[in-house]
Amino acid sequence: MNVLADENLYEPIIEYLRSRGHDVTSGRGPEFSGSSDDVVYRKAVEEQRVIVTMDKDFLRMRRFPPEACGGIIVVKVYRRTLDETLRIFREEFERLDQDRIGGTLVIITPEGARIRRPRS
């Protein structure tokens, strides 16, 4: 899976995704650092990458339609330690059918993962 990791995503999550063989472009690089959500989204659309972020703005499907890029995964795990956040992400990410992420909005929380599909 081709991933665009937003700059607010914890580094251990990025490392985990890379260790699972995913092609990850980090939003912390010089071309993205400090970029707006719109710039991040346009890049994901151009390269058909799945955005992985902790930014709740990406929950707005009308503004950021997941079907135009590779999909969007929002990690809504707040007020947890880094280790807890990584554990929750790993458990929920491994349960996902990654072939079904494309074009969807996936919301990962401590309670589980939800998948929202665009209305046709």
PDB file of N, CA and C in Angstrom:
ATOM      1  N   MET A   1       0.840  -1.168   0.000  1.00  0.00           N
ATOM      2  CA  MET A   1       0.000   0.000   0.000  1.00  0.00           C
ATOM      3  C   MET A   1       0.893   1.241   0.000  1.00  0.00           C
ATOM      4  N   ASN A   2       0.514   2.237  -0.780  1.00  0.00           N
ATOM      5  CA  ASN A   2       1.231   3.505  -0.811  1.00  0.00           C
ATOM      6  C   ASN A   2       0.590   4.453   0.193  1.00  0.00           C
ATOM      7  N   VAL A   3       1.404   4.966   1.104  1.00  0.00           N
ATOM      8  CA  VAL A   3       0.912   5.754   2.225  1.00  0.00           C
ATOM      9  C   VAL A   3       1.549   7.129   2.221  1.00  0.00           C
ATOM     10  N   LEU A   4       0.747   8.137   2.563  1.00  0.00           N
ATOM     11  CA  LEU A   4       1.274   9.461   2.852  1.00  0.00           C
ATOM     12  C   LEU A   4       0.994   9.691   4.332  1.00  0.00           C
ATOM     13  N   ALA A   5       2.046   9.661   5.146  1.00  0.00           N
ATOM     14  CA  ALA A   5       1.921   9.844   6.587  1.00  0.00           C
ATOM     15  C   ALA A   5       1.961  11.329   6.898  1.00  0.00           C
ATOM     16  N   ASP A   6       0.863  11.848   7.435  1.00  0.00           N
ATOM     17  CA  ASP A   6       0.783  13.263   7.778  1.00  0.00           C
ATOM     18  C   ASP A   6       1.851  13.592   8.825  1.00  0.00           C
ATOM     19  N   GLU A   7       2.270  14.852   8.874  1.00  0.00           N
ATOM     20  CA  GLU A   7       3.369  15.227   9.759  1.00  0.00           C
ATOM     21  C   GLU A   7       3.029  15.067  11.232  1.00  0.00           C
ATOM     22  N   ASN A   8       1.742  14.948  11.594  1.00  0.00           N
ATOM     23  CA  ASN A   8       1.387  14.778  12.994  1.00  0.00           C
ATOM     24  C   ASN A   8       1.368  13.311  13.433  1.00  0.00           C
ATOM     25  N   LEU A   9       1.637  12.407  12.520  1.00  0.00           N
ATOM     26  CA  LEU A   9       1.626  10.979  12.840  1.00  0.00           C
ATOM     27  C   LEU A   9       2.905  10.603  13.570  1.00  0.00           C
ATOM     28  N   TYR A  10       2.753   9.856  14.630  1.00  0.00           N
ATOM     29  CA  TYR A  10       3.910   9.455  15.431  1.00  0.00           C
ATOM     30  C   TYR A  10       4.889   8.619  14.606  1.00  0.00           C
ATOM     31  N   GLU A  11       6.157   8.895  14.771  1.00  0.00           N
ATOM     32  CA  GLU A  11       7.223   8.200  14.039  1.00  0.00           C
ATOM     33  C   GLU A  11       7.163   6.679  14.195  1.00  0.00           C
ATOM     34  N   PRO A  12       6.887   6.138  15.403  1.00  0.00           N
ATOM     35  CA  PRO A  12       6.803   4.670  15.506  1.00  0.00           C
ATOM     36  C   PRO A  12       5.702   4.056  14.640  1.00  0.00           C
ATOM     37  N   ILE A  13       4.630   4.787  14.370  1.00  0.00           N
ATOM     38  CA  ILE A  13       3.591   4.272  13.476  1.00  0.00           C
ATOM     39  C   ILE A  13       4.124   4.237  12.049  1.00  0.00           C
ATOM     40  N   ILE A  14       4.851   5.280  11.671  1.00  0.00           N
ATOM     41  CA  ILE A  14       5.469   5.311  10.334  1.00  0.00           C
ATOM     42  C   ILE A  14       6.448   4.150  10.187  1.00  0.00           C
ATOM     43  N   GLU A  15       7.275   3.948  11.192  1.00  0.00           N
ATOM     44  CA  GLU A  15       8.239   2.839  11.160  1.00  0.00           C
ATOM     45  C   GLU A  15       7.523   1.495  11.080  1.00  0.00           C
ATOM     46  N   TYR A  16       6.431   1.349  11.820  1.00  0.00           N
ATOM     47  CA  TYR A  16       5.658   0.112  11.773  1.00  0.00           C
ATOM     48  C   TYR A  16       5.131  -0.139  10.354  1.00  0.00           C
ATOM     49  N   LEU A  17       4.550   0.887   9.729  1.00  0.00           N
ATOM     50  CA  LEU A  17       4.022   0.729   8.371  1.00  0.00           C
ATOM     51  C   LEU A  17       5.124   0.328   7.401  1.00  0.00           C
ATOM     52  N   ARG A  18       6.267   0.947   7.518  1.00  0.00           N
ATOM     53  CA  ARG A  18       7.400   0.587   6.643  1.00  0.00           C
ATOM     54  C   ARG A  18       7.854  -0.846   6.904  1.00  0.00           C
ATOM     55  N   SER A  19       7.857  -1.251   8.163  1.00  0.00           N
ATOM     56  CA  SER A  19       8.292  -2.618   8.492  1.00  0.00           C
ATOM     57  C   SER A  19       7.341  -3.664   7.919  1.00  0.00           C
ATOM     58  N   ARG A  20       6.096  -3.256   7.642  1.00  0.00           N
ATOM     59  CA  ARG A  20       5.112  -4.164   7.042  1.00  0.00           C
ATOM     60  C   ARG A  20       5.161  -4.129   5.517  1.00  0.00           C
ATOM     61  N   GLY A  21       6.163  -3.393   4.969  1.00  0.00           N
ATOM     62  CA  GLY A  21       6.376  -3.393   3.528  1.00  0.00           C
ATOM     63  C   GLY A  21       5.633  -2.309   2.758  1.00  0.00           C
ATOM     64  N   HIS A  22       5.022  -1.371   3.469  1.00  0.00           N
ATOM     65  CA  HIS A  22       4.298  -0.300   2.792  1.00  0.00           C
ATOM     66  C   HIS A  22       5.264   0.796   2.351  1.00  0.00           C
ATOM     67  N   ASP A  23       4.948   1.406   1.228  1.00  0.00           N
ATOM     68  CA  ASP A  23       5.730   2.525   0.698  1.00  0.00           C
ATOM     69  C   ASP A  23       5.194   3.794   1.365  1.00  0.00           C
ATOM     70  N   VAL A  24       5.967   4.351   2.302  1.00  0.00           N
ATOM     71  CA  VAL A  24       5.491   5.483   3.107  1.00  0.00           C
ATOM     72  C   VAL A  24       6.269   6.744   2.765  1.00  0.00           C
ATOM     73  N   THR A  25       5.520   7.778   2.363  1.00  0.00           N
ATOM     74  CA  THR A  25       6.075   9.112   2.214  1.00  0.00           C
ATOM     75  C   THR A  25       5.687   9.877   3.466  1.00  0.00           C
ATOM     76  N   SER A  26       6.659  10.482   4.125  1.00  0.00           N
ATOM     77  CA  SER A  26       6.390  11.183   5.372  1.00  0.00           C
ATOM     78  C   SER A  26       6.109  12.651   5.136  1.00  0.00           C
ATOM     79  N   GLY A  27       5.104  13.164   5.819  1.00  0.00           N
ATOM     80  CA  GLY A  27       4.766  14.572   5.763  1.00  0.00           C
ATOM     81  C   GLY A  27       5.754  15.441   6.505  1.00  0.00           C
ATOM     82  N   ARG A  28       6.745  14.827   7.113  1.00  0.00           N
ATOM     83  CA  ARG A  28       7.768  15.590   7.830  1.00  0.00           C
ATOM     84  C   ARG A  28       8.924  15.993   6.936  1.00  0.00           C
ATOM     85  N   GLY A  29       8.915  15.538   5.716  1.00  0.00           N
ATOM     86  CA  GLY A  29       9.989  15.872   4.785  1.00  0.00           C
ATOM     87  C   GLY A  29       9.943  17.340   4.405  1.00  0.00           C
ATOM     88  N   PRO A  30      11.013  17.814   3.793  1.00  0.00           N
ATOM     89  CA  PRO A  30      11.104  19.242   3.462  1.00  0.00           C
ATOM     90  C   PRO A  30      10.005  19.747   2.535  1.00  0.00           C
ATOM     91  N   GLU A  31       9.461  18.887   1.669  1.00  0.00           N
ATOM     92  CA  GLU A  31       8.434  19.353   0.737  1.00  0.00           C
ATOM     93  C   GLU A  31       7.068  19.492   1.398  1.00  0.00           C
ATOM     94  N   PHE A  32       6.851  18.867   2.567  1.00  0.00           N
ATOM     95  CA  PHE A  32       5.542  18.890   3.213  1.00  0.00           C
ATOM     96  C   PHE A  32       5.502  19.599   4.547  1.00  0.00           C
ATOM     97  N   SER A  33       6.587  19.662   5.251  1.00  0.00           N
ATOM     98  CA  SER A  33       6.589  20.193   6.610  1.00  0.00           C
ATOM     99  C   SER A  33       5.883  21.544   6.672  1.00  0.00           C
ATOM    100  N   GLY A  34       4.867  21.636   7.504  1.00  0.00           N
ATOM    101  CA  GLY A  34       4.110  22.870   7.655  1.00  0.00           C
ATOM    102  C   GLY A  34       3.056  23.089   6.585  1.00  0.00           C
ATOM    103  N   SER A  35       2.869  22.119   5.701  1.00  0.00           N
ATOM    104  CA  SER A  35       1.887  22.266   4.621  1.00  0.00           C
ATOM    105  C   SER A  35       0.459  22.189   5.155  1.00  0.00           C
ATOM    106  N   SER A  36      -0.443  22.820   4.435  1.00  0.00           N
ATOM    107  CA  SER A  36      -1.851  22.772   4.806  1.00  0.00           C
ATOM    108  C   SER A  36      -2.420  21.381   4.508  1.00  0.00           C
ATOM    109  N   ASP A  37      -3.578  21.109   5.094  1.00  0.00           N
ATOM    110  CA  ASP A  37      -4.269  19.849   4.824  1.00  0.00           C
ATOM    111  C   ASP A  37      -4.584  19.713   3.335  1.00  0.00           C
ATOM    112  N   ASP A  38      -4.907  20.821   2.698  1.00  0.00           N
ATOM    113  CA  ASP A  38      -5.235  20.781   1.273  1.00  0.00           C
ATOM    114  C   ASP A  38      -4.045  20.329   0.430  1.00  0.00           C
ATOM    115  N   VAL A  39      -2.849  20.798   0.785  1.00  0.00           N
ATOM    116  CA  VAL A  39      -1.633  20.400   0.060  1.00  0.00           C
ATOM    117  C   VAL A  39      -1.376  18.911   0.254  1.00  0.00           C
ATOM    118  N   VAL A  40      -1.519  18.441   1.492  1.00  0.00           N
ATOM    119  CA  VAL A  40      -1.324  17.014   1.792  1.00  0.00           C
ATOM    120  C   VAL A  40      -2.323  16.185   0.989  1.00  0.00           C
ATOM    121  N   TYR A  41      -3.581  16.602   0.996  1.00  0.00           N
ATOM    122  CA  TYR A  41      -4.616  15.869   0.281  1.00  0.00           C
ATOM    123  C   TYR A  41      -4.339  15.828  -1.223  1.00  0.00           C
ATOM    124  N   ARG A  42      -3.994  16.980  -1.806  1.00  0.00           N
ATOM    125  CA  ARG A  42      -3.710  17.014  -3.251  1.00  0.00           C
ATOM    126  C   ARG A  42      -2.564  16.075  -3.619  1.00  0.00           C
ATOM    127  N   LYS A  43      -1.536  16.032  -2.777  1.00  0.00           N
ATOM    128  CA  LYS A  43      -0.406  15.121  -3.030  1.00  0.00           C
ATOM    129  C   LYS A  43      -0.875  13.660  -2.992  1.00  0.00           C
ATOM    130  N   ALA A  44      -1.714  13.340  -2.023  1.00  0.00           N
ATOM    131  CA  ALA A  44      -2.241  11.973  -1.925  1.00  0.00           C
ATOM    132  C   ALA A  44      -3.084  11.624  -3.143  1.00  0.00           C
ATOM    133  N   VAL A  45      -3.856  12.589  -3.647  1.00  0.00           N
ATOM    134  CA  VAL A  45      -4.670  12.357  -4.836  1.00  0.00           C
ATOM    135  C   VAL A  45      -3.764  12.128  -6.047  1.00  0.00           C
ATOM    136  N   GLU A  46      -2.761  12.987  -6.219  1.00  0.00           N
ATOM    137  CA  GLU A  46      -1.836  12.865  -7.355  1.00  0.00           C
ATOM    138  C   GLU A  46      -1.148  11.510  -7.380  1.00  0.00           C
ATOM    139  N   GLU A  47      -0.737  11.036  -6.210  1.00  0.00           N
ATOM    140  CA  GLU A  47       0.043   9.792  -6.124  1.00  0.00           C
ATOM    141  C   GLU A  47      -0.795   8.588  -5.719  1.00  0.00           C
ATOM    142  N   GLN A  48      -2.106   8.785  -5.557  1.00  0.00           N
ATOM    143  CA  GLN A  48      -3.008   7.713  -5.122  1.00  0.00           C
ATOM    144  C   GLN A  48      -2.474   7.020  -3.867  1.00  0.00           C
ATOM    145  N   ARG A  49      -2.201   7.821  -2.858  1.00  0.00           N
ATOM    146  CA  ARG A  49      -1.715   7.322  -1.570  1.00  0.00           C
ATOM    147  C   ARG A  49      -2.820   7.380  -0.523  1.00  0.00           C
ATOM    148  N   VAL A  50      -2.743   6.466   0.431  1.00  0.00           N
ATOM    149  CA  VAL A  50      -3.623   6.469   1.587  1.00  0.00           C
ATOM    150  C   VAL A  50      -3.046   7.454   2.592  1.00  0.00           C
ATOM    151  N   ILE A  51      -3.836   8.419   3.010  1.00  0.00           N
ATOM    152  CA  ILE A  51      -3.397   9.365   4.042  1.00  0.00           C
ATOM    153  C   ILE A  51      -3.591   8.706   5.397  1.00  0.00           C
ATOM    154  N   VAL A  52      -2.555   8.696   6.214  1.00  0.00           N
ATOM    155  CA  VAL A  52      -2.664   8.240   7.594  1.00  0.00           C
ATOM    156  C   VAL A  52      -2.336   9.443   8.462  1.00  0.00           C
ATOM    157  N   THR A  53      -3.263   9.815   9.328  1.00  0.00           N
ATOM    158  CA  THR A  53      -3.148  11.063  10.067  1.00  0.00           C
ATOM    159  C   THR A  53      -3.811  10.958  11.436  1.00  0.00           C
ATOM    160  N   MET A  54      -3.478  11.894  12.292  1.00  0.00           N
ATOM    161  CA  MET A  54      -4.172  12.052  13.570  1.00  0.00           C
ATOM    162  C   MET A  54      -4.992  13.348  13.545  1.00  0.00           C
ATOM    163  N   ASP A  55      -5.116  13.946  12.388  1.00  0.00           N
ATOM    164  CA  ASP A  55      -5.802  15.225  12.205  1.00  0.00           C
ATOM    165  C   ASP A  55      -7.289  14.985  11.934  1.00  0.00           C
ATOM    166  N   LYS A  56      -8.138  15.414  12.857  1.00  0.00           N
ATOM    167  CA  LYS A  56      -9.583  15.201  12.729  1.00  0.00           C
ATOM    168  C   LYS A  56     -10.199  15.931  11.541  1.00  0.00           C
ATOM    169  N   ASP A  57      -9.502  16.931  10.986  1.00  0.00           N
ATOM    170  CA  ASP A  57     -10.042  17.626   9.819  1.00  0.00           C
ATOM    171  C   ASP A  57     -10.290  16.665   8.659  1.00  0.00           C
ATOM    172  N   PHE A  58      -9.503  15.605   8.576  1.00  0.00           N
ATOM    173  CA  PHE A  58      -9.646  14.650   7.473  1.00  0.00           C
ATOM    174  C   PHE A  58     -10.884  13.764   7.626  1.00  0.00           C
ATOM    175  N   LEU A  59     -11.626  13.929   8.715  1.00  0.00           N
ATOM    176  CA  LEU A  59     -12.895  13.217   8.866  1.00  0.00           C
ATOM    177  C   LEU A  59     -13.984  13.833   7.989  1.00  0.00           C
ATOM    178  N   ARG A  60     -13.744  15.020   7.503  1.00  0.00           N
ATOM    179  CA  ARG A  60     -14.742  15.724   6.683  1.00  0.00           C
ATOM    180  C   ARG A  60     -14.680  15.203   5.252  1.00  0.00           C
ATOM    181  N   MET A  61     -15.545  14.244   4.972  1.00  0.00           N
ATOM    182  CA  MET A  61     -15.510  13.540   3.691  1.00  0.00           C
ATOM    183  C   MET A  61     -15.896  14.424   2.516  1.00  0.00           C
ATOM    184  N   ARG A  62     -16.669  15.454   2.736  1.00  0.00           N
ATOM    185  CA  ARG A  62     -17.014  16.347   1.623  1.00  0.00           C
ATOM    186  C   ARG A  62     -15.825  17.195   1.228  1.00  0.00           C
ATOM    187  N   ARG A  63     -15.044  17.603   2.210  1.00  0.00           N
ATOM    188  CA  ARG A  63     -13.866  18.413   1.904  1.00  0.00           C
ATOM    189  C   ARG A  63     -12.727  17.547   1.375  1.00  0.00           C
ATOM    190  N   PHE A  64     -12.577  16.364   1.970  1.00  0.00           N
ATOM    191  CA  PHE A  64     -11.491  15.449   1.587  1.00  0.00           C
ATOM    192  C   PHE A  64     -12.090  14.096   1.195  1.00  0.00           C
ATOM    193  N   PRO A  65     -12.651  13.994   0.003  1.00  0.00           N
ATOM    194  CA  PRO A  65     -13.274  12.731  -0.414  1.00  0.00           C
ATOM    195  C   PRO A  65     -12.242  11.602  -0.498  1.00  0.00           C
ATOM    196  N   PRO A  66     -12.401  10.563   0.303  1.00  0.00           N
ATOM    197  CA  PRO A  66     -11.406   9.489   0.301  1.00  0.00           C
ATOM    198  C   PRO A  66     -11.342   8.715  -1.006  1.00  0.00           C
ATOM    199  N   GLU A  67     -12.412   8.759  -1.790  1.00  0.00           N
ATOM    200  CA  GLU A  67     -12.407   8.017  -3.047  1.00  0.00           C
ATOM    201  C   GLU A  67     -11.502   8.654  -4.093  1.00  0.00           C
ATOM    202  N   ALA A  68     -11.109   9.911  -3.895  1.00  0.00           N
ATOM    203  CA  ALA A  68     -10.232  10.576  -4.864  1.00  0.00           C
ATOM    204  C   ALA A  68      -8.763  10.240  -4.642  1.00  0.00           C
ATOM    205  N   CYS A  69      -8.447   9.790  -3.444  1.00  0.00           N
ATOM    206  CA  CYS A  69      -7.067   9.367  -3.171  1.00  0.00           C
ATOM    207  C   CYS A  69      -7.109   7.867  -2.871  1.00  0.00           C
ATOM    208  N   GLY A  70      -6.098   7.348  -2.268  1.00  0.00           N
ATOM    209  CA  GLY A  70      -6.073   5.923  -1.956  1.00  0.00           C
ATOM    210  C   GLY A  70      -6.916   5.542  -0.766  1.00  0.00           C
ATOM    211  N   GLY A  71      -7.491   6.559  -0.085  1.00  0.00           N
ATOM    212  CA  GLY A  71      -8.254   6.353   1.144  1.00  0.00           C
ATOM    213  C   GLY A  71      -7.648   7.210   2.240  1.00  0.00           C
ATOM    214  N   ILE A  72      -8.335   7.267   3.374  1.00  0.00           N
ATOM    215  CA  ILE A  72      -7.872   8.062   4.499  1.00  0.00           C
ATOM    216  C   ILE A  72      -8.045   7.244   5.771  1.00  0.00           C
ATOM    217  N   ILE A  73      -6.995   7.194   6.581  1.00  0.00           N
ATOM    218  CA  ILE A  73      -7.063   6.549   7.891  1.00  0.00           C
ATOM    219  C   ILE A  73      -6.803   7.636   8.929  1.00  0.00           C
ATOM    220  N   VAL A  74      -7.794   7.884   9.790  1.00  0.00           N
ATOM    221  CA  VAL A  74      -7.643   8.849  10.867  1.00  0.00           C
ATOM    222  C   VAL A  74      -7.478   8.074  12.169  1.00  0.00           C
ATOM    223  N   VAL A  75      -6.372   8.321  12.841  1.00  0.00           N
ATOM    224  CA  VAL A  75      -6.073   7.662  14.108  1.00  0.00           C
ATOM    225  C   VAL A  75      -6.577   8.581  15.216  1.00  0.00           C
ATOM    226  N   LYS A  76      -7.727   8.234  15.802  1.00  0.00           N
ATOM    227  CA  LYS A  76      -8.318   9.036  16.877  1.00  0.00           C
ATOM    228  C   LYS A  76      -7.988   8.390  18.211  1.00  0.00           C
ATOM    229  N   VAL A  77      -6.727   8.421  18.552  1.00  0.00           N
ATOM    230  CA  VAL A  77      -6.259   7.866  19.811  1.00  0.00           C
ATOM    231  C   VAL A  77      -5.538   9.000  20.525  1.00  0.00           C
ATOM    232  N   TYR A  78      -6.237   9.588  21.493  1.00  0.00           N
ATOM    233  CA  TYR A  78      -5.698  10.753  22.171  1.00  0.00           C
ATOM    234  C   TYR A  78      -5.546  10.469  23.660  1.00  0.00           C
ATOM    235  N   ARG A  79      -4.687  11.246  24.285  1.00  0.00           N
ATOM    236  CA  ARG A  79      -4.428  11.140  25.727  1.00  0.00           C
ATOM    237  C   ARG A  79      -3.987   9.741  26.133  1.00  0.00           C
ATOM    238  N   ARG A  80      -3.172   9.163  25.305  1.00  0.00           N
ATOM    239  CA  ARG A  80      -2.581   7.846  25.566  1.00  0.00           C
ATOM    240  C   ARG A  80      -1.076   7.990  25.429  1.00  0.00           C
ATOM    241  N   THR A  81      -0.354   7.067  26.030  1.00  0.00           N
ATOM    242  CA  THR A  81       1.091   7.091  25.846  1.00  0.00           C
ATOM    243  C   THR A  81       1.409   6.691  24.416  1.00  0.00           C
ATOM    244  N   LEU A  82       2.617   6.977  24.007  1.00  0.00           N
ATOM    245  CA  LEU A  82       3.061   6.599  22.667  1.00  0.00           C
ATOM    246  C   LEU A  82       2.955   5.088  22.478  1.00  0.00           C
ATOM    247  N   ASP A  83       3.368   4.329  23.483  1.00  0.00           N
ATOM    248  CA  ASP A  83       3.296   2.865  23.387  1.00  0.00           C
ATOM    249  C   ASP A  83       1.856   2.375  23.248  1.00  0.00           C
ATOM    250  N   GLU A  84       0.941   2.974  24.021  1.00  0.00           N
ATOM    251  CA  GLU A  84      -0.466   2.574  23.926  1.00  0.00           C
ATOM    252  C   GLU A  84      -1.034   2.910  22.552  1.00  0.00           C
ATOM    253  N   THR A  85      -0.711   4.091  22.056  1.00  0.00           N
ATOM    254  CA  THR A  85      -1.196   4.513  20.738  1.00  0.00           C
ATOM    255  C   THR A  85      -0.690   3.568  19.656  1.00  0.00           C
ATOM    256  N   LEU A  86       0.588   3.238  19.700  1.00  0.00           N
ATOM    257  CA  LEU A  86       1.151   2.314  18.721  1.00  0.00           C
ATOM    258  C   LEU A  86       0.488   0.944  18.819  1.00  0.00           C
ATOM    259  N   ARG A  87       0.269   0.452  20.034  1.00  0.00           N
ATOM    260  CA  ARG A  87      -0.366  -0.853  20.211  1.00  0.00           C
ATOM    261  C   ARG A  87      -1.774  -0.860  19.621  1.00  0.00           C
ATOM    262  N   ILE A  88      -2.547   0.168  19.922  1.00  0.00           N
ATOM    263  CA  ILE A  88      -3.917   0.253  19.399  1.00  0.00           C
ATOM    264  C   ILE A  88      -3.896   0.313  17.874  1.00  0.00           C
ATOM    265  N   PHE A  89      -3.030   1.164  17.320  1.00  0.00           N
ATOM    266  CA  PHE A  89      -2.946   1.273  15.863  1.00  0.00           C
ATOM    267  C   PHE A  89      -2.598  -0.070  15.243  1.00  0.00           C
ATOM    268  N   ARG A  90      -1.569  -0.722  15.770  1.00  0.00           N
ATOM    269  CA  ARG A  90      -1.137  -2.003  15.193  1.00  0.00           C
ATOM    270  C   ARG A  90      -2.253  -3.034  15.223  1.00  0.00           C
ATOM    271  N   GLU A  91      -2.908  -3.171  16.368  1.00  0.00           N
ATOM    272  CA  GLU A  91      -3.974  -4.171  16.491  1.00  0.00           C
ATOM    273  C   GLU A  91      -5.101  -3.913  15.495  1.00  0.00           C
ATOM    274  N   GLU A  92      -5.539  -2.668  15.412  1.00  0.00           N
ATOM    275  CA  GLU A  92      -6.662  -2.354  14.524  1.00  0.00           C
ATOM    276  C   GLU A  92      -6.249  -2.394  13.058  1.00  0.00           C
ATOM    277  N   PHE A  93      -5.062  -1.927  12.746  1.00  0.00           N
ATOM    278  CA  PHE A  93      -4.582  -1.947  11.365  1.00  0.00           C
ATOM    279  C   PHE A  93      -4.452  -3.376  10.863  1.00  0.00           C
ATOM    280  N   GLU A  94      -3.964  -4.262  11.704  1.00  0.00           N
ATOM    281  CA  GLU A  94      -3.800  -5.666  11.291  1.00  0.00           C
ATOM    282  C   GLU A  94      -5.138  -6.354  11.069  1.00  0.00           C
ATOM    283  N   ARG A  95      -6.183  -5.873  11.703  1.00  0.00           N
ATOM    284  CA  ARG A  95      -7.513  -6.464  11.515  1.00  0.00           C
ATOM    285  C   ARG A  95      -8.177  -5.999  10.221  1.00  0.00           C
ATOM    286  N   LEU A  96      -7.701  -4.889   9.678  1.00  0.00           N
ATOM    287  CA  LEU A  96      -8.316  -4.342   8.465  1.00  0.00           C
ATOM    288  C   LEU A  96      -7.988  -5.193   7.251  1.00  0.00           C
ATOM    289  N   ASP A  97      -8.961  -5.328   6.378  1.00  0.00           N
ATOM    290  CA  ASP A  97      -8.715  -5.930   5.075  1.00  0.00           C
ATOM    291  C   ASP A  97      -8.163  -4.807   4.206  1.00  0.00           C
ATOM    292  N   GLN A  98      -6.861  -4.796   4.013  1.00  0.00           N
ATOM    293  CA  GLN A  98      -6.210  -3.670   3.375  1.00  0.00           C
ATOM    294  C   GLN A  98      -6.622  -3.483   1.931  1.00  0.00           C
ATOM    295  N   ASP A  99      -7.156  -4.510   1.307  1.00  0.00           N
ATOM    296  CA  ASP A  99      -7.653  -4.363  -0.049  1.00  0.00           C
ATOM    297  C   ASP A  99      -8.948  -3.544  -0.083  1.00  0.00           C
ATOM    298  N   ARG A 100      -9.608  -3.410   1.078  1.00  0.00           N
ATOM    299  CA  ARG A 100     -10.885  -2.689   1.140  1.00  0.00           C
ATOM    300  C   ARG A 100     -10.721  -1.257   1.655  1.00  0.00           C
ATOM    301  N   ILE A 101      -9.486  -0.826   1.955  1.00  0.00           N
ATOM    302  CA  ILE A 101      -9.255   0.524   2.450  1.00  0.00           C
ATOM    303  C   ILE A 101      -9.410   1.542   1.326  1.00  0.00           C
ATOM    304  N   GLY A 102      -9.006   1.177   0.126  1.00  0.00           N
ATOM    305  CA  GLY A 102      -9.022   2.102  -1.006  1.00  0.00           C
ATOM    306  C   GLY A 102     -10.341   2.839  -1.149  1.00  0.00           C
ATOM    307  N   GLY A 103     -10.279   4.168  -1.164  1.00  0.00           N
ATOM    308  CA  GLY A 103     -11.456   4.984  -1.365  1.00  0.00           C
ATOM    309  C   GLY A 103     -12.367   5.122  -0.166  1.00  0.00           C
ATOM    310  N   THR A 104     -11.937   4.648   0.998  1.00  0.00           N
ATOM    311  CA  THR A 104     -12.773   4.731   2.192  1.00  0.00           C
ATOM    312  C   THR A 104     -12.126   5.615   3.247  1.00  0.00           C
ATOM    313  N   LEU A 105     -12.914   5.967   4.246  1.00  0.00           N
ATOM    314  CA  LEU A 105     -12.420   6.649   5.435  1.00  0.00           C
ATOM    315  C   LEU A 105     -12.427   5.631   6.558  1.00  0.00           C
ATOM    316  N   VAL A 106     -11.257   5.362   7.122  1.00  0.00           N
ATOM    317  CA  VAL A 106     -11.126   4.430   8.236  1.00  0.00           C
ATOM    318  C   VAL A 106     -10.815   5.254   9.478  1.00  0.00           C
ATOM    319  N   ILE A 107     -11.565   5.011  10.534  1.00  0.00           N
ATOM    320  CA  ILE A 107     -11.358   5.721  11.791  1.00  0.00           C
ATOM    321  C   ILE A 107     -10.932   4.689  12.833  1.00  0.00           C
ATOM    322  N   ILE A 108      -9.700   4.854  13.321  1.00  0.00           N
ATOM    323  CA  ILE A 108      -9.173   3.944  14.329  1.00  0.00           C
ATOM    324  C   ILE A 108      -9.269   4.623  15.686  1.00  0.00           C
ATOM    325  N   THR A 109      -9.956   3.966  16.628  1.00  0.00           N
ATOM    326  CA  THR A 109     -10.095   4.459  17.994  1.00  0.00           C
ATOM    327  C   THR A 109      -9.719   3.331  18.949  1.00  0.00           C
ATOM    328  N   PRO A 110      -9.601   3.628  20.236  1.00  0.00           N
ATOM    329  CA  PRO A 110      -9.322   2.541  21.187  1.00  0.00           C
ATOM    330  C   PRO A 110     -10.418   1.482  21.205  1.00  0.00           C
ATOM    331  N   GLU A 111     -11.617   1.839  20.755  1.00  0.00           N
ATOM    332  CA  GLU A 111     -12.736   0.898  20.741  1.00  0.00           C
ATOM    333  C   GLU A 111     -12.771   0.034  19.488  1.00  0.00           C
ATOM    334  N   GLY A 112     -11.956   0.358  18.504  1.00  0.00           N
ATOM    335  CA  GLY A 112     -11.951  -0.424  17.271  1.00  0.00           C
ATOM    336  C   GLY A 112     -11.825   0.471  16.047  1.00  0.00           C
ATOM    337  N   ALA A 113     -11.991  -0.136  14.893  1.00  0.00           N
ATOM    338  CA  ALA A 113     -11.895   0.594  13.627  1.00  0.00           C
ATOM    339  C   ALA A 113     -13.263   0.594  12.956  1.00  0.00           C
ATOM    340  N   ARG A 114     -13.614   1.764  12.403  1.00  0.00           N
ATOM    341  CA  ARG A 114     -14.847   1.890  11.636  1.00  0.00           C
ATOM    342  C   ARG A 114     -14.473   2.288  10.217  1.00  0.00           C
ATOM    343  N   ILE A 115     -15.218   1.771   9.263  1.00  0.00           N
ATOM    344  CA  ILE A 115     -14.979   2.116   7.864  1.00  0.00           C
ATOM    345  C   ILE A 115     -16.217   2.834   7.337  1.00  0.00           C
ATOM    346  N   ARG A 116     -15.979   4.034   6.798  1.00  0.00           N
ATOM    347  CA  ARG A 116     -17.059   4.803   6.171  1.00  0.00           C
ATOM    348  C   ARG A 116     -16.788   4.849   4.682  1.00  0.00           C
ATOM    349  N   ARG A 117     -17.779   4.455   3.929  1.00  0.00           N
ATOM    350  CA  ARG A 117     -17.670   4.476   2.476  1.00  0.00           C
ATOM    351  C   ARG A 117     -18.437   5.662   1.936  1.00  0.00           C
ATOM    352  N   PRO A 118     -17.926   6.264   0.871  1.00  0.00           N
ATOM    353  CA  PRO A 118     -18.640   7.381   0.256  1.00  0.00           C
ATOM    354  C   PRO A 118     -19.994   6.925  -0.258  1.00  0.00           C
ATOM    355  N   ARG A 119     -20.948   7.817  -0.189  1.00  0.00           N
ATOM    356  CA  ARG A 119     -22.279   7.502  -0.738  1.00  0.00           C
ATOM    357  C   ARG A 119     -22.230   7.638  -2.246  1.00  0.00           C
ATOM    358  N   SER A 120     -22.845   6.693  -2.928  1.00  0.00           N
ATOM    359  CA  SER A 120     -22.807   6.766  -4.394  1.00  0.00           C
ATOM    360  C   SER A 120     -23.943   7.570  -4.931  1.00  0.00           C
TER     361      SER A 120
END
